[in-house]
Amino acid sequence: MDIREIVRDKVQQFEAEAMETLVMTVARKEFGHIQIVGALTGAVIGVIQGVILVFVG
C-alpha cells in the first residue's frame, strides 16, 4: 500500500476549483494565526524596548 500514490490519485481527482477553495480556506485560517502571533510578538518586543528605554534613558 503506497500512501504517496493514493494521495497523488486523490489530489488529481479534485477539480481545480475545489482544490483552490480548499487551499484558500486552510491558508486564510493559518494566516490569521500568523497575524495573531506576529501581533503578540510585536507587543512583547515593544514593551521590552519601552522598559529598556526607561531604565537606560
PDB file of N, CA and C in Angstrom:
ATOM      1  N   MET A   1       0.853  -1.180   0.000  1.00  0.00           N
ATOM      2  CA  MET A   1       0.000   0.000   0.000  1.00  0.00           C
ATOM      3  C   MET A   1       0.898   1.242   0.000  1.00  0.00           C
ATOM      4  N   ASP A   2       0.851   1.993  -1.068  1.00  0.00           N
ATOM      5  CA  ASP A   2       1.688   3.172  -1.217  1.00  0.00           C
ATOM      6  C   ASP A   2       0.847   4.417  -0.941  1.00  0.00           C
ATOM      7  N   ILE A   3       1.037   4.993   0.220  1.00  0.00           N
ATOM      8  CA  ILE A   3       0.247   6.158   0.632  1.00  0.00           C
ATOM      9  C   ILE A   3       0.491   7.328  -0.305  1.00  0.00           C
ATOM     10  N   ARG A   4       1.724   7.508  -0.722  1.00  0.00           N
ATOM     11  CA  ARG A   4       2.064   8.618  -1.629  1.00  0.00           C
ATOM     12  C   ARG A   4       1.240   8.529  -2.914  1.00  0.00           C
ATOM     13  N   GLU A   5       1.114   7.335  -3.457  1.00  0.00           N
ATOM     14  CA  GLU A   5       0.351   7.138  -4.695  1.00  0.00           C
ATOM     15  C   GLU A   5      -1.143   7.379  -4.459  1.00  0.00           C
ATOM     16  N   ILE A   6      -1.657   6.924  -3.332  1.00  0.00           N
ATOM     17  CA  ILE A   6      -3.068   7.132  -3.010  1.00  0.00           C
ATOM     18  C   ILE A   6      -3.369   8.619  -2.899  1.00  0.00           C
ATOM     19  N   VAL A   7      -2.515   9.353  -2.194  1.00  0.00           N
ATOM     20  CA  VAL A   7      -2.717  10.799  -2.043  1.00  0.00           C
ATOM     21  C   VAL A   7      -2.627  11.480  -3.401  1.00  0.00           C
ATOM     22  N   ARG A   8      -1.653  11.111  -4.214  1.00  0.00           N
ATOM     23  CA  ARG A   8      -1.498  11.704  -5.542  1.00  0.00           C
ATOM     24  C   ARG A   8      -2.754  11.485  -6.379  1.00  0.00           C
ATOM     25  N   ASP A   9      -3.298  10.263  -6.341  1.00  0.00           N
ATOM     26  CA  ASP A   9      -4.517   9.963  -7.101  1.00  0.00           C
ATOM     27  C   ASP A   9      -5.701  10.802  -6.616  1.00  0.00           C
ATOM     28  N   LYS A  10      -5.836  10.922  -5.304  1.00  0.00           N
ATOM     29  CA  LYS A  10      -6.945  11.707  -4.749  1.00  0.00           C
ATOM     30  C   LYS A  10      -6.835  13.179  -5.138  1.00  0.00           C
ATOM     31  N   VAL A  11      -5.623  13.716  -5.089  1.00  0.00           N
ATOM     32  CA  VAL A  11      -5.414  15.126  -5.436  1.00  0.00           C
ATOM     33  C   VAL A  11      -5.701  15.344  -6.920  1.00  0.00           C
ATOM     34  N   GLN A  12      -5.284  14.414  -7.769  1.00  0.00           N
ATOM     35  CA  GLN A  12      -5.521  14.552  -9.205  1.00  0.00           C
ATOM     36  C   GLN A  12      -7.005  14.459  -9.550  1.00  0.00           C
ATOM     37  N   GLN A  13      -7.794  13.795  -8.712  1.00  0.00           N
ATOM     38  CA  GLN A  13      -9.227  13.673  -8.959  1.00  0.00           C
ATOM     39  C   GLN A  13      -9.983  14.945  -8.586  1.00  0.00           C
ATOM     40  N   PHE A  14      -9.393  15.787  -7.753  1.00  0.00           N
ATOM     41  CA  PHE A  14     -10.039  17.042  -7.374  1.00  0.00           C
ATOM     42  C   PHE A  14     -10.164  17.948  -8.587  1.00  0.00           C
ATOM     43  N   GLU A  15     -11.250  18.665  -8.643  1.00  0.00           N
ATOM     44  CA  GLU A  15     -11.378  19.698  -9.668  1.00  0.00           C
ATOM     45  C   GLU A  15     -10.538  20.887  -9.233  1.00  0.00           C
ATOM     46  N   ALA A  16     -10.085  21.680 -10.193  1.00  0.00           N
ATOM     47  CA  ALA A  16      -9.212  22.819  -9.892  1.00  0.00           C
ATOM     48  C   ALA A  16      -9.904  23.796  -8.943  1.00  0.00           C
ATOM     49  N   GLU A  17     -11.183  24.042  -9.167  1.00  0.00           N
ATOM     50  CA  GLU A  17     -11.922  24.989  -8.331  1.00  0.00           C
ATOM     51  C   GLU A  17     -12.054  24.485  -6.892  1.00  0.00           C
ATOM     52  N   ALA A  18     -12.315  23.199  -6.740  1.00  0.00           N
ATOM     53  CA  ALA A  18     -12.440  22.616  -5.401  1.00  0.00           C
ATOM     54  C   ALA A  18     -11.102  22.668  -4.672  1.00  0.00           C
ATOM     55  N   MET A  19     -10.025  22.405  -5.390  1.00  0.00           N
ATOM     56  CA  MET A  19      -8.693  22.450  -4.787  1.00  0.00           C
ATOM     57  C   MET A  19      -8.361  23.874  -4.354  1.00  0.00           C
ATOM     58  N   GLU A  20      -8.681  24.848  -5.207  1.00  0.00           N
ATOM     59  CA  GLU A  20      -8.409  26.238  -4.872  1.00  0.00           C
ATOM     60  C   GLU A  20      -9.196  26.658  -3.624  1.00  0.00           C
ATOM     61  N   THR A  21     -10.453  26.260  -3.548  1.00  0.00           N
ATOM     62  CA  THR A  21     -11.271  26.588  -2.382  1.00  0.00           C
ATOM     63  C   THR A  21     -10.686  25.969  -1.122  1.00  0.00           C
ATOM     64  N   LEU A  22     -10.259  24.734  -1.208  1.00  0.00           N
ATOM     65  CA  LEU A  22      -9.670  24.048  -0.060  1.00  0.00           C
ATOM     66  C   LEU A  22      -8.389  24.746   0.395  1.00  0.00           C
ATOM     67  N   VAL A  23      -7.510  25.061  -0.548  1.00  0.00           N
ATOM     68  CA  VAL A  23      -6.244  25.707  -0.215  1.00  0.00           C
ATOM     69  C   VAL A  23      -6.489  27.089   0.393  1.00  0.00           C
ATOM     70  N   MET A  24      -7.391  27.852  -0.185  1.00  0.00           N
ATOM     71  CA  MET A  24      -7.673  29.199   0.314  1.00  0.00           C
ATOM     72  C   MET A  24      -8.283  29.154   1.715  1.00  0.00           C
ATOM     73  N   THR A  25      -9.131  28.190   1.981  1.00  0.00           N
ATOM     74  CA  THR A  25      -9.730  28.057   3.315  1.00  0.00           C
ATOM     75  C   THR A  25      -8.666  27.776   4.356  1.00  0.00           C
ATOM     76  N   VAL A  26      -7.789  26.844   4.067  1.00  0.00           N
ATOM     77  CA  VAL A  26      -6.717  26.499   5.003  1.00  0.00           C
ATOM     78  C   VAL A  26      -5.754  27.674   5.160  1.00  0.00           C
ATOM     79  N   ALA A  27      -5.389  28.305   4.058  1.00  0.00           N
ATOM     80  CA  ALA A  27      -4.439  29.420   4.098  1.00  0.00           C
ATOM     81  C   ALA A  27      -5.001  30.576   4.910  1.00  0.00           C
ATOM     82  N   ARG A  28      -6.284  30.898   4.724  1.00  0.00           N
ATOM     83  CA  ARG A  28      -6.903  32.002   5.458  1.00  0.00           C
ATOM     84  C   ARG A  28      -6.833  31.746   6.970  1.00  0.00           C
ATOM     85  N   LYS A  29      -7.107  30.521   7.355  1.00  0.00           N
ATOM     86  CA  LYS A  29      -7.067  30.171   8.775  1.00  0.00           C
ATOM     87  C   LYS A  29      -5.641  30.293   9.324  1.00  0.00           C
ATOM     88  N   GLU A  30      -4.678  29.770   8.578  1.00  0.00           N
ATOM     89  CA  GLU A  30      -3.288  29.801   9.028  1.00  0.00           C
ATOM     90  C   GLU A  30      -2.731  31.220   9.051  1.00  0.00           C
ATOM     91  N   PHE A  31      -3.063  32.037   8.047  1.00  0.00           N
ATOM     92  CA  PHE A  31      -2.595  33.419   8.032  1.00  0.00           C
ATOM     93  C   PHE A  31      -3.168  34.194   9.209  1.00  0.00           C
ATOM     94  N   GLY A  32      -4.381  33.871   9.610  1.00  0.00           N
ATOM     95  CA  GLY A  32      -4.967  34.504  10.789  1.00  0.00           C
ATOM     96  C   GLY A  32      -4.148  34.203  12.029  1.00  0.00           C
ATOM     97  N   HIS A  33      -3.739  32.949  12.172  1.00  0.00           N
ATOM     98  CA  HIS A  33      -2.907  32.575  13.314  1.00  0.00           C
ATOM     99  C   HIS A  33      -1.547  33.276  13.259  1.00  0.00           C
ATOM    100  N   ILE A  34      -0.982  33.360  12.074  1.00  0.00           N
ATOM    101  CA  ILE A  34       0.310  34.032  11.921  1.00  0.00           C
ATOM    102  C   ILE A  34       0.194  35.501  12.299  1.00  0.00           C
ATOM    103  N   GLN A  35      -0.904  36.144  11.926  1.00  0.00           N
ATOM    104  CA  GLN A  35      -1.101  37.552  12.272  1.00  0.00           C
ATOM    105  C   GLN A  35      -1.198  37.737  13.781  1.00  0.00           C
ATOM    106  N   ILE A  36      -1.910  36.850  14.450  1.00  0.00           N
ATOM    107  CA  ILE A  36      -2.060  36.948  15.904  1.00  0.00           C
ATOM    108  C   ILE A  36      -0.709  36.774  16.592  1.00  0.00           C
ATOM    109  N   VAL A  37       0.042  35.767  16.169  1.00  0.00           N
ATOM    110  CA  VAL A  37       1.364  35.528  16.765  1.00  0.00           C
ATOM    111  C   VAL A  37       2.281  36.723  16.496  1.00  0.00           C
ATOM    112  N   GLY A  38       2.213  37.274  15.296  1.00  0.00           N
ATOM    113  CA  GLY A  38       3.023  38.445  14.966  1.00  0.00           C
ATOM    114  C   GLY A  38       2.659  39.655  15.817  1.00  0.00           C
ATOM    115  N   ALA A  39       1.370  39.859  16.031  1.00  0.00           N
ATOM    116  CA  ALA A  39       0.934  40.989  16.855  1.00  0.00           C
ATOM    117  C   ALA A  39       1.408  40.822  18.298  1.00  0.00           C
ATOM    118  N   LEU A  40       1.275  39.617  18.822  1.00  0.00           N
ATOM    119  CA  LEU A  40       1.722  39.371  20.197  1.00  0.00           C
ATOM    120  C   LEU A  40       3.238  39.540  20.324  1.00  0.00           C
ATOM    121  N   THR A  41       3.969  39.028  19.357  1.00  0.00           N
ATOM    122  CA  THR A  41       5.424  39.171  19.379  1.00  0.00           C
ATOM    123  C   THR A  41       5.826  40.639  19.312  1.00  0.00           C
ATOM    124  N   GLY A  42       5.185  41.393  18.435  1.00  0.00           N
ATOM    125  CA  GLY A  42       5.461  42.819  18.326  1.00  0.00           C
ATOM    126  C   GLY A  42       5.156  43.564  19.608  1.00  0.00           C
ATOM    127  N   ALA A  43       4.066  43.208  20.272  1.00  0.00           N
ATOM    128  CA  ALA A  43       3.700  43.851  21.523  1.00  0.00           C
ATOM    129  C   ALA A  43       4.736  43.565  22.608  1.00  0.00           C
ATOM    130  N   VAL A  44       5.162  42.317  22.695  1.00  0.00           N
ATOM    131  CA  VAL A  44       6.163  41.948  23.705  1.00  0.00           C
ATOM    132  C   VAL A  44       7.473  42.691  23.439  1.00  0.00           C
ATOM    133  N   ILE A  45       7.904  42.735  22.191  1.00  0.00           N
ATOM    134  CA  ILE A  45       9.145  43.439  21.861  1.00  0.00           C
ATOM    135  C   ILE A  45       9.007  44.924  22.175  1.00  0.00           C
ATOM    136  N   GLY A  46       7.850  45.506  21.876  1.00  0.00           N
ATOM    137  CA  GLY A  46       7.618  46.918  22.181  1.00  0.00           C
ATOM    138  C   GLY A  46       7.688  47.208  23.666  1.00  0.00           C
ATOM    139  N   VAL A  47       7.105  46.342  24.478  1.00  0.00           N
ATOM    140  CA  VAL A  47       7.147  46.524  25.929  1.00  0.00           C
ATOM    141  C   VAL A  47       8.589  46.411  26.429  1.00  0.00           C
ATOM    142  N   ILE A  48       9.320  45.440  25.934  1.00  0.00           N
ATOM    143  CA  ILE A  48      10.717  45.267  26.350  1.00  0.00           C
ATOM    144  C   ILE A  48      11.541  46.502  25.968  1.00  0.00           C
ATOM    145  N   GLN A  49      11.345  47.011  24.761  1.00  0.00           N
ATOM    146  CA  GLN A  49      12.068  48.211  24.339  1.00  0.00           C
ATOM    147  C   GLN A  49      11.697  49.398  25.217  1.00  0.00           C
ATOM    148  N   GLY A  50      10.425  49.514  25.562  1.00  0.00           N
ATOM    149  CA  GLY A  50       9.994  50.608  26.432  1.00  0.00           C
ATOM    150  C   GLY A  50      10.640  50.532  27.803  1.00  0.00           C
ATOM    151  N   VAL A  51      10.686  49.333  28.362  1.00  0.00           N
ATOM    152  CA  VAL A  51      11.306  49.145  29.671  1.00  0.00           C
ATOM    153  C   VAL A  51      12.796  49.496  29.607  1.00  0.00           C
ATOM    154  N   ILE A  52      13.463  49.041  28.542  1.00  0.00           N
ATOM    155  CA  ILE A  52      14.888  49.341  28.392  1.00  0.00           C
ATOM    156  C   ILE A  52      15.094  50.863  28.283  1.00  0.00           C
ATOM    157  N   LEU A  53      14.259  51.545  27.529  1.00  0.00           N
ATOM    158  CA  LEU A  53      14.374  52.990  27.383  1.00  0.00           C
ATOM    159  C   LEU A  53      14.188  53.721  28.710  1.00  0.00           C
ATOM    160  N   VAL A  54      13.259  53.239  29.514  1.00  0.00           N
ATOM    161  CA  VAL A  54      13.001  53.894  30.805  1.00  0.00           C
ATOM    162  C   VAL A  54      14.214  53.750  31.717  1.00  0.00           C
ATOM    163  N   PHE A  55      14.804  52.559  31.743  1.00  0.00           N
ATOM    164  CA  PHE A  55      15.913  52.315  32.656  1.00  0.00           C
ATOM    165  C   PHE A  55      17.249  52.821  32.133  1.00  0.00           C
ATOM    166  N   VAL A  56      17.461  52.846  30.843  1.00  0.00           N
ATOM    167  CA  VAL A  56      18.719  53.268  30.264  1.00  0.00           C
ATOM    168  C   VAL A  56      18.700  54.769  29.966  1.00  0.00           C
ATOM    169  N   GLY A  57      17.580  55.236  29.472  1.00  0.00           N
ATOM    170  CA  GLY A  57      17.475  56.638  29.026  1.00  0.00           C
ATOM    171  C   GLY A  57      17.240  57.549  30.125  1.00  0.00           C
TER     172      GLY A  57
END
